[in-house]
Amino acid sequence: MLNLNQRLCFFNKVLILTYLENVIRNYILFQYLVFNFFTVVSAYWDVV
């Protein structure tokens, strides 16, 4: 059985990893959306 301190430490590590994973995923999604937006705008710009 882990003592309370070790358990909290482990829990914090898991939380930090989950948070980082979410940040990275959101960043990639944001970049993808921005890239798509600029691609569409530039394609539309050529038509205009």
PDB file of N, CA and C in Angstrom:
ATOM      1  N   MET A   1       0.849  -1.202   0.000  1.00  0.00           N
ATOM      2  CA  MET A   1       0.000   0.000   0.000  1.00  0.00           C
ATOM      3  C   MET A   1       0.886   1.254   0.000  1.00  0.00           C
ATOM      4  N   LEU A   2       0.645   2.117  -0.941  1.00  0.00           N
ATOM      5  CA  LEU A   2       1.398   3.373  -0.975  1.00  0.00           C
ATOM      6  C   LEU A   2       0.936   4.299   0.135  1.00  0.00           C
ATOM      7  N   ASN A   3       1.870   5.067   0.665  1.00  0.00           N
ATOM      8  CA  ASN A   3       1.427   6.061   1.648  1.00  0.00           C
ATOM      9  C   ASN A   3       0.823   7.267   0.916  1.00  0.00           C
ATOM     10  N   LEU A   4       0.193   8.135   1.668  1.00  0.00           N
ATOM     11  CA  LEU A   4      -0.588   9.229   1.082  1.00  0.00           C
ATOM     12  C   LEU A   4       0.269  10.144   0.212  1.00  0.00           C
ATOM     13  N   ASN A   5       1.474  10.429   0.679  1.00  0.00           N
ATOM     14  CA  ASN A   5       2.352  11.331  -0.058  1.00  0.00           C
ATOM     15  C   ASN A   5       2.699  10.775  -1.436  1.00  0.00           C
ATOM     16  N   GLN A   6       3.061   9.491  -1.481  1.00  0.00           N
ATOM     17  CA  GLN A   6       3.387   8.858  -2.762  1.00  0.00           C
ATOM     18  C   GLN A   6       2.178   8.843  -3.686  1.00  0.00           C
ATOM     19  N   ARG A   7       1.025   8.573  -3.096  1.00  0.00           N
ATOM     20  CA  ARG A   7      -0.195   8.533  -3.906  1.00  0.00           C
ATOM     21  C   ARG A   7      -0.490   9.905  -4.511  1.00  0.00           C
ATOM     22  N   LEU A   8      -0.349  10.961  -3.718  1.00  0.00           N
ATOM     23  CA  LEU A   8      -0.588  12.317  -4.223  1.00  0.00           C
ATOM     24  C   LEU A   8       0.404  12.664  -5.325  1.00  0.00           C
ATOM     25  N   CYS A   9       1.649  12.282  -5.123  1.00  0.00           N
ATOM     26  CA  CYS A   9       2.686  12.548  -6.109  1.00  0.00           C
ATOM     27  C   CYS A   9       2.336  11.860  -7.431  1.00  0.00           C
ATOM     28  N   PHE A  10       1.946  10.606  -7.352  1.00  0.00           N
ATOM     29  CA  PHE A  10       1.560   9.840  -8.538  1.00  0.00           C
ATOM     30  C   PHE A  10       0.356  10.483  -9.219  1.00  0.00           C
ATOM     31  N   PHE A  11      -0.629  10.869  -8.423  1.00  0.00           N
ATOM     32  CA  PHE A  11      -1.837  11.493  -8.948  1.00  0.00           C
ATOM     33  C   PHE A  11      -1.503  12.796  -9.676  1.00  0.00           C
ATOM     34  N   ASN A  12      -0.602  13.588  -9.091  1.00  0.00           N
ATOM     35  CA  ASN A  12      -0.176  14.836  -9.728  1.00  0.00           C
ATOM     36  C   ASN A  12       0.503  14.575 -11.063  1.00  0.00           C
ATOM     37  N   LYS A  13       1.358  13.550 -11.107  1.00  0.00           N
ATOM     38  CA  LYS A  13       2.026  13.218 -12.367  1.00  0.00           C
ATOM     39  C   LYS A  13       1.013  12.852 -13.437  1.00  0.00           C
ATOM     40  N   VAL A  14       0.035  12.050 -13.072  1.00  0.00           N
ATOM     41  CA  VAL A  14      -0.998  11.644 -14.027  1.00  0.00           C
ATOM     42  C   VAL A  14      -1.777  12.863 -14.513  1.00  0.00           C
ATOM     43  N   LEU A  15      -2.127  13.749 -13.584  1.00  0.00           N
ATOM     44  CA  LEU A  15      -2.861  14.961 -13.955  1.00  0.00           C
ATOM     45  C   LEU A  15      -2.050  15.827 -14.909  1.00  0.00           C
ATOM     46  N   ILE A  16      -0.770  16.003 -14.598  1.00  0.00           N
ATOM     47  CA  ILE A  16       0.090  16.836 -15.440  1.00  0.00           C
ATOM     48  C   ILE A  16       0.214  16.233 -16.836  1.00  0.00           C
ATOM     49  N   LEU A  17       0.403  14.915 -16.905  1.00  0.00           N
ATOM     50  CA  LEU A  17       0.511  14.248 -18.206  1.00  0.00           C
ATOM     51  C   LEU A  17      -0.773  14.396 -19.013  1.00  0.00           C
ATOM     52  N   THR A  18      -1.905  14.220 -18.352  1.00  0.00           N
ATOM     53  CA  THR A  18      -3.195  14.356 -19.032  1.00  0.00           C
ATOM     54  C   THR A  18      -3.373  15.783 -19.548  1.00  0.00           C
ATOM     55  N   TYR A  19      -3.007  16.758 -18.705  1.00  0.00           N
ATOM     56  CA  TYR A  19      -3.113  18.164 -19.081  1.00  0.00           C
ATOM     57  C   TYR A  19      -2.229  18.465 -20.288  1.00  0.00           C
ATOM     58  N   LEU A  20      -0.985  17.985 -20.249  1.00  0.00           N
ATOM     59  CA  LEU A  20      -0.065  18.217 -21.365  1.00  0.00           C
ATOM     60  C   LEU A  20      -0.591  17.592 -22.648  1.00  0.00           C
ATOM     61  N   GLU A  21      -1.130  16.386 -22.523  1.00  0.00           N
ATOM     62  CA  GLU A  21      -1.670  15.702 -23.698  1.00  0.00           C
ATOM     63  C   GLU A  21      -2.806  16.518 -24.309  1.00  0.00           C
ATOM     64  N   ASN A  22      -3.681  17.047 -23.457  1.00  0.00           N
ATOM     65  CA  ASN A  22      -4.793  17.873 -23.943  1.00  0.00           C
ATOM     66  C   ASN A  22      -4.293  19.143 -24.611  1.00  0.00           C
ATOM     67  N   VAL A  23      -3.293  19.782 -24.004  1.00  0.00           N
ATOM     68  CA  VAL A  23      -2.742  21.018 -24.574  1.00  0.00           C
ATOM     69  C   VAL A  23      -2.144  20.741 -25.950  1.00  0.00           C
ATOM     70  N   ILE A  24      -1.374  19.656 -26.045  1.00  0.00           N
ATOM     71  CA  ILE A  24      -0.742  19.313 -27.324  1.00  0.00           C
ATOM     72  C   ILE A  24      -1.796  19.008 -28.378  1.00  0.00           C
ATOM     73  N   ARG A  25      -2.820  18.237 -27.979  1.00  0.00           N
ATOM     74  CA  ARG A  25      -3.876  17.878 -28.930  1.00  0.00           C
ATOM     75  C   ARG A  25      -4.609  19.133 -29.404  1.00  0.00           C
ATOM     76  N   ASN A  26      -4.938  20.031 -28.474  1.00  0.00           N
ATOM     77  CA  ASN A  26      -5.630  21.267 -28.842  1.00  0.00           C
ATOM     78  C   ASN A  26      -4.766  22.130 -29.750  1.00  0.00           C
ATOM     79  N   TYR A  27      -3.450  22.177 -29.466  1.00  0.00           N
ATOM     80  CA  TYR A  27      -2.537  22.975 -30.274  1.00  0.00           C
ATOM     81  C   TYR A  27      -2.483  22.448 -31.707  1.00  0.00           C
ATOM     82  N   ILE A  28      -2.401  21.107 -31.842  1.00  0.00           N
ATOM     83  CA  ILE A  28      -2.360  20.491 -33.172  1.00  0.00           C
ATOM     84  C   ILE A  28      -3.665  20.770 -33.915  1.00  0.00           C
ATOM     85  N   LEU A  29      -4.790  20.622 -33.217  1.00  0.00           N
ATOM     86  CA  LEU A  29      -6.092  20.874 -33.826  1.00  0.00           C
ATOM     87  C   LEU A  29      -6.204  22.332 -34.263  1.00  0.00           C
ATOM     88  N   PHE A  30      -5.747  23.248 -33.411  1.00  0.00           N
ATOM     89  CA  PHE A  30      -5.784  24.676 -33.720  1.00  0.00           C
ATOM     90  C   PHE A  30      -4.949  24.973 -34.963  1.00  0.00           C
ATOM     91  N   GLN A  31      -3.720  24.421 -35.017  1.00  0.00           N
ATOM     92  CA  GLN A  31      -2.858  24.629 -36.181  1.00  0.00           C
ATOM     93  C   GLN A  31      -3.521  24.110 -37.447  1.00  0.00           C
ATOM     94  N   TYR A  32      -4.140  22.935 -37.340  1.00  0.00           N
ATOM     95  CA  TYR A  32      -4.805  22.315 -38.485  1.00  0.00           C
ATOM     96  C   TYR A  32      -5.941  23.210 -38.986  1.00  0.00           C
ATOM     97  N   LEU A  33      -6.746  23.734 -38.047  1.00  0.00           N
ATOM     98  CA  LEU A  33      -7.862  24.602 -38.425  1.00  0.00           C
ATOM     99  C   LEU A  33      -7.360  25.887 -39.069  1.00  0.00           C
ATOM    100  N   VAL A  34      -6.318  26.484 -38.493  1.00  0.00           N
ATOM    101  CA  VAL A  34      -5.759  27.719 -39.047  1.00  0.00           C
ATOM    102  C   VAL A  34      -5.210  27.470 -40.449  1.00  0.00           C
ATOM    103  N   PHE A  35      -4.498  26.361 -40.604  1.00  0.00           N
ATOM    104  CA  PHE A  35      -3.939  26.015 -41.913  1.00  0.00           C
ATOM    105  C   PHE A  35      -5.051  25.839 -42.944  1.00  0.00           C
ATOM    106  N   ASN A  36      -6.108  25.123 -42.564  1.00  0.00           N
ATOM    107  CA  ASN A  36      -7.246  24.927 -43.467  1.00  0.00           C
ATOM    108  C   ASN A  36      -7.889  26.258 -43.824  1.00  0.00           C
ATOM    109  N   PHE A  37      -8.051  27.115 -42.817  1.00  0.00           N
ATOM    110  CA  PHE A  37      -8.661  28.420 -43.038  1.00  0.00           C
ATOM    111  C   PHE A  37      -7.868  29.219 -44.067  1.00  0.00           C
ATOM    112  N   PHE A  38      -6.531  29.251 -43.897  1.00  0.00           N
ATOM    113  CA  PHE A  38      -5.702  30.010 -44.830  1.00  0.00           C
ATOM    114  C   PHE A  38      -5.706  29.390 -46.224  1.00  0.00           C
ATOM    115  N   THR A  39      -5.762  28.068 -46.286  1.00  0.00           N
ATOM    116  CA  THR A  39      -5.815  27.397 -47.591  1.00  0.00           C
ATOM    117  C   THR A  39      -7.098  27.778 -48.322  1.00  0.00           C
ATOM    118  N   VAL A  40      -8.212  27.743 -47.609  1.00  0.00           N
ATOM    119  CA  VAL A  40      -9.505  28.095 -48.204  1.00  0.00           C
ATOM    120  C   VAL A  40      -9.514  29.560 -48.621  1.00  0.00           C
ATOM    121  N   VAL A  41      -9.010  30.436 -47.753  1.00  0.00           N
ATOM    122  CA  VAL A  41      -8.988  31.870 -48.060  1.00  0.00           C
ATOM    123  C   VAL A  41      -8.122  32.142 -49.286  1.00  0.00           C
ATOM    124  N   SER A  42      -6.946  31.523 -49.360  1.00  0.00           N
ATOM    125  CA  SER A  42      -6.065  31.763 -50.504  1.00  0.00           C
ATOM    126  C   SER A  42      -6.678  31.208 -51.791  1.00  0.00           C
ATOM    127  N   ALA A  43      -7.349  30.069 -51.695  1.00  0.00           N
ATOM    128  CA  ALA A  43      -8.019  29.504 -52.869  1.00  0.00           C
ATOM    129  C   ALA A  43      -9.132  30.444 -53.331  1.00  0.00           C
ATOM    130  N   TYR A  44      -9.880  30.980 -52.381  1.00  0.00           N
ATOM    131  CA  TYR A  44     -10.961  31.914 -52.697  1.00  0.00           C
ATOM    132  C   TYR A  44     -10.390  33.212 -53.268  1.00  0.00           C
ATOM    133  N   TRP A  45      -9.245  33.636 -52.728  1.00  0.00           N
ATOM    134  CA  TRP A  45      -8.596  34.868 -53.159  1.00  0.00           C
ATOM    135  C   TRP A  45      -8.226  34.774 -54.641  1.00  0.00           C
ATOM    136  N   ASP A  46      -7.762  33.588 -55.073  1.00  0.00           N
ATOM    137  CA  ASP A  46      -7.393  33.390 -56.476  1.00  0.00           C
ATOM    138  C   ASP A  46      -8.613  33.568 -57.375  1.00  0.00           C
ATOM    139  N   VAL A  47      -9.771  33.112 -56.901  1.00  0.00           N
ATOM    140  CA  VAL A  47     -11.007  33.256 -57.670  1.00  0.00           C
ATOM    141  C   VAL A  47     -11.378  34.727 -57.783  1.00  0.00           C
ATOM    142  N   VAL A  48     -11.261  35.461 -56.692  1.00  0.00           N
ATOM    143  CA  VAL A  48     -11.567  36.897 -56.688  1.00  0.00           C
ATOM    144  C   VAL A  48     -10.447  37.624 -57.420  1.00  0.00           C
TER     145      VAL A  48
END
